[in-house]
Protein backbone atom coordinates (compact mmCIF):
# COMPACT_ATOMS: atom_id res chain seq x y z
CA MET A 1 -52.46 20.42 56.14
CA LEU A 2 -54.31 19.80 59.22
CA GLU A 3 -57.49 19.74 57.21
CA ALA A 4 -56.15 17.18 54.72
CA TYR A 5 -54.70 15.17 57.60
CA ALA A 6 -58.08 15.03 59.31
CA ASN A 7 -59.44 13.96 56.15
CA MET A 8 -57.57 10.86 56.16
CA ASN A 9 -59.04 7.62 57.41
CA VAL A 10 -57.24 6.04 60.52
CA THR A 11 -55.18 3.61 58.31
CA GLN A 12 -53.93 6.58 56.15
CA GLN A 13 -53.10 8.69 59.33
CA THR A 14 -51.17 5.70 60.54
CA GLN A 15 -49.41 5.50 57.28
CA PHE A 16 -48.52 9.14 57.13
CA LYS A 17 -47.18 9.03 60.76
CA ASP A 18 -44.87 5.92 59.57
CA THR A 19 -43.82 7.50 56.30
CA ALA A 20 -43.03 10.77 58.04
CA ASN A 21 -41.06 8.93 60.76
CA LYS A 22 -39.24 6.81 58.17
CA LEU A 23 -38.19 9.90 56.48
CA LEU A 24 -36.83 11.49 59.56
CA ALA A 25 -35.14 8.45 60.78
CA ASN A 26 -33.61 7.53 57.24
CA THR A 27 -33.35 10.53 55.20
CA PHE A 28 -34.05 8.67 52.07
CA LEU A 29 -36.95 6.44 50.58
CA CYS A 30 -36.39 4.29 47.63
CA ARG A 31 -39.29 2.83 45.63
CA ASP A 32 -37.21 -0.15 44.62
CA LYS A 33 -36.32 -1.25 48.31
CA LYS A 34 -38.99 -3.70 49.73
CA ASP A 35 -39.47 -2.18 53.03
CA ASN A 36 -39.82 1.38 51.39
CA LYS A 37 -42.05 0.61 48.59
CA GLU A 38 -45.29 1.19 50.41
CA ASN A 39 -44.17 4.13 52.01
CA TYR A 40 -42.78 5.59 48.51
CA TYR A 41 -46.41 5.18 46.89
CA PHE A 42 -48.02 6.53 50.10
CA PHE A 43 -45.82 9.48 49.96
CA ILE A 44 -46.54 10.04 46.18
CA SER A 45 -50.20 10.06 46.65
CA PHE A 46 -50.00 12.61 49.78
CA LYS A 47 -46.97 14.66 48.56
CA GLU A 48 -48.65 18.02 49.12
CA VAL A 49 -49.30 17.19 52.62
CA PHE A 50 -45.91 15.85 53.34
CA ASP A 51 -44.48 18.96 51.68
CA GLU A 52 -46.53 21.22 53.82
CA PHE A 53 -45.79 19.25 57.08
CA PHE A 54 -42.02 19.11 56.66
CA GLN A 55 -42.09 22.81 55.71
CA ILE A 56 -43.32 23.82 58.92
CA LEU A 57 -40.51 21.84 60.53
CA GLY A 58 -37.80 23.55 58.35
CA TYR A 59 -37.29 20.65 55.89
CA GLU A 60 -37.43 20.36 52.33
CA ILE A 61 -38.52 17.19 50.18
CA THR A 62 -36.94 16.30 46.99
CA LEU A 63 -38.45 13.88 44.60
CA ASP A 64 -37.06 12.24 41.79
CA SER A 65 -40.02 10.14 40.16
CA ASN A 66 -37.87 8.87 37.50
CA THR A 67 -35.52 6.88 39.75
CA GLY A 68 -38.44 6.42 42.59
CA SER A 69 -36.13 8.35 45.03
CA VAL A 70 -37.32 10.88 48.02
CA MET A 71 -34.85 13.01 49.90
CA LEU A 72 -35.69 14.81 53.14
CA SER A 73 -33.19 17.60 53.72
CA GLY A 74 -33.06 20.10 56.54
CA ALA A 75 -32.03 23.64 56.67
CA SER A 76 -30.61 23.40 60.14
CA ALA A 77 -26.88 22.03 60.34
CA SER A 78 -27.79 20.41 63.59
CA ASN A 79 -29.87 17.91 61.64
CA THR A 80 -26.95 17.35 59.18
CA LEU A 81 -25.15 13.80 59.50
CA LYS A 82 -21.28 14.28 59.36
CA LEU A 83 -19.64 11.54 57.73
CA LYS A 84 -16.22 10.32 58.77
CA ARG A 85 -13.46 10.30 56.10
CA ASP A 86 -13.81 6.64 55.26
CA GLU A 87 -17.69 6.82 55.42
CA SER A 88 -17.33 9.85 52.80
CA LEU A 89 -14.83 7.93 50.71
CA ILE A 90 -16.77 4.65 50.57
CA LEU A 91 -19.92 6.86 49.58
CA LEU A 92 -18.05 8.50 46.87
CA ILE A 93 -16.83 5.19 45.67
CA LEU A 94 -20.20 3.68 45.49
CA ARG A 95 -21.20 6.68 43.58
CA LEU A 96 -18.50 6.06 40.90
CA LEU A 97 -19.44 2.41 40.81
CA TYR A 98 -23.26 3.19 40.24
CA HIS A 99 -22.15 5.57 37.47
CA GLU A 100 -19.82 2.75 35.75
CA LYS A 101 -22.25 -0.17 36.14
CA MET A 102 -25.31 2.17 35.07
CA LYS A 103 -23.51 1.87 31.45
CA ASP A 104 -24.03 -1.95 31.45
CA THR A 105 -27.45 -2.36 32.82
CA SER A 106 -30.94 -1.72 31.51
CA LEU A 107 -33.16 0.89 33.63
CA ASN A 108 -35.30 -2.06 35.28
CA GLU A 109 -31.99 -3.76 36.80
CA ASN A 110 -30.53 -3.23 40.00
CA ILE A 111 -27.01 -1.72 40.08
CA VAL A 112 -24.93 -4.31 42.03
CA CYS A 113 -21.17 -4.48 43.25
CA THR A 114 -19.24 -6.40 45.88
CA ILE A 115 -17.21 -5.47 48.56
CA GLY A 116 -14.60 -6.77 46.51
CA ASP A 117 -15.07 -3.91 43.78
CA ILE A 118 -15.15 -1.18 46.68
CA HIS A 119 -11.53 -2.53 47.44
CA THR A 120 -10.29 -2.46 43.93
CA LYS A 121 -11.81 0.91 43.31
CA TYR A 122 -10.31 2.23 46.43
CA ASP A 123 -6.83 0.77 45.59
CA TYR A 124 -7.14 2.09 42.04
CA LEU A 125 -7.92 5.74 43.40
CA GLU A 126 -4.53 5.29 45.04
CA ILE A 127 -5.85 6.58 48.41
CA LYS A 128 -2.70 6.80 50.94
CA LYS A 129 -4.66 5.50 54.02
CA LYS A 130 -5.62 1.79 53.66
CA LEU A 131 -9.26 0.81 54.19
CA ASN A 132 -9.57 -1.42 57.26
CA LYS A 133 -12.31 -4.09 57.55
CA THR A 134 -13.96 -2.40 60.67
CA ASP A 135 -14.30 1.04 59.05
CA LEU A 136 -15.58 -0.63 55.99
CA ILE A 137 -18.42 -2.65 57.84
CA SER A 138 -19.38 0.46 59.87
CA ALA A 139 -19.63 2.60 56.74
CA ILE A 140 -21.77 -0.18 54.96
CA ARG A 141 -24.14 -0.37 57.98
CA LEU A 142 -24.58 3.38 58.11
CA LEU A 143 -25.16 3.71 54.25
CA ARG A 144 -27.90 1.00 54.48
CA ARG A 145 -29.55 2.43 57.37
CA TYR A 146 -30.18 5.55 55.20
CA ASN A 147 -31.46 3.64 52.26
CA LEU A 148 -28.70 4.13 49.87
CA ILE A 149 -27.45 0.61 49.55
CA GLU A 150 -28.88 -2.91 50.34
CA VAL A 151 -26.70 -5.77 51.61
CA THR A 152 -26.87 -9.74 50.34
CA GLY A 153 -24.43 -11.75 52.26
CA ASP A 154 -21.70 -11.49 54.57
CA VAL A 155 -20.21 -8.02 54.73
CA THR A 156 -16.74 -9.40 55.79
CA THR A 157 -16.37 -11.22 52.53
CA SER A 158 -15.40 -9.93 49.28
CA THR A 159 -17.94 -11.56 47.50
CA CYS A 160 -20.59 -9.85 49.39
CA ARG A 161 -23.26 -8.31 47.12
CA ILE A 162 -24.27 -4.84 47.28
CA VAL A 163 -27.19 -3.18 45.54
CA ILE A 164 -26.55 0.51 45.07
CA LEU A 165 -30.03 2.15 45.40
CA PRO A 166 -30.75 5.01 42.95
CA THR A 167 -31.04 7.29 46.14
CA ILE A 168 -27.39 7.67 45.81
CA LEU A 169 -27.93 10.02 43.12
CA LEU A 170 -29.65 12.50 45.44
CA ALA A 171 -27.13 12.01 48.23
CA ILE A 172 -24.18 12.73 45.53
CA ARG A 173 -26.04 15.14 43.33
CA SER A 174 -22.82 15.64 40.94
CA GLU A 175 -23.91 15.73 37.22
CA ASP A 176 -20.36 15.51 36.28
CA ILE A 177 -18.60 12.36 37.60
CA ASN A 178 -15.44 14.05 37.32
CA GLU A 179 -16.42 16.21 40.36
CA VAL A 180 -16.66 13.11 42.44
CA TYR A 181 -13.05 11.97 41.35
CA GLN A 182 -11.87 15.54 42.35
CA THR A 183 -13.82 15.36 45.79
CA ILE A 184 -11.87 11.97 46.51
CA GLN A 185 -8.47 13.39 45.35
CA HIS A 186 -9.11 16.48 47.86
CA ILE A 187 -9.79 14.23 50.83
CA ASN A 188 -6.62 12.12 49.89
CA GLN A 189 -4.55 15.47 49.68
CA GLU A 190 -5.82 16.49 52.99
CA ASP A 191 -4.87 13.28 54.64
CA VAL A 192 -1.26 13.70 53.06
CA LYS A 193 -1.08 17.26 54.59
CA SER A 194 -2.34 16.18 58.08
CA GLU A 195 0.73 13.40 58.23
């Protein structure tokens, strides 16, 4: 790995550092996200070097070239983000919306929903605790930071558009969408028990 790095020119070494730091900071890279595209293609070109580098640090890289998604995962629980209840629910809802809207779009189109769609799905799932605006905005910002979504517009309005990036398929790997529904119901039941 060190030899491969030493053989890179100065520009490539800088790009390697930038891409590695982006993965460490954001966990996901998405080819379809403008500020990720260059890093994604650089990663593809030097995947073996990244694999070796992150293996030394105790991380594993997952690449889904069909969707243009990269995920960095660590073996250590200390490097795992613990989501709050509402953040988990919104992530699961976005995964459901991705699945539903994927049926109506071509492979080249972005999967888009609105804040209103999230509220509608939340209500449809009959979750006991209501979703408040502050928690929703906080969750949207967090998911955007991790390259799971892109936001177009004012998050405080129901018409705000959210592009659900294919990295969500790596974040929630469930092959069976029914598992996602069951997870939501489990969270909902835990809320009822704690009341």
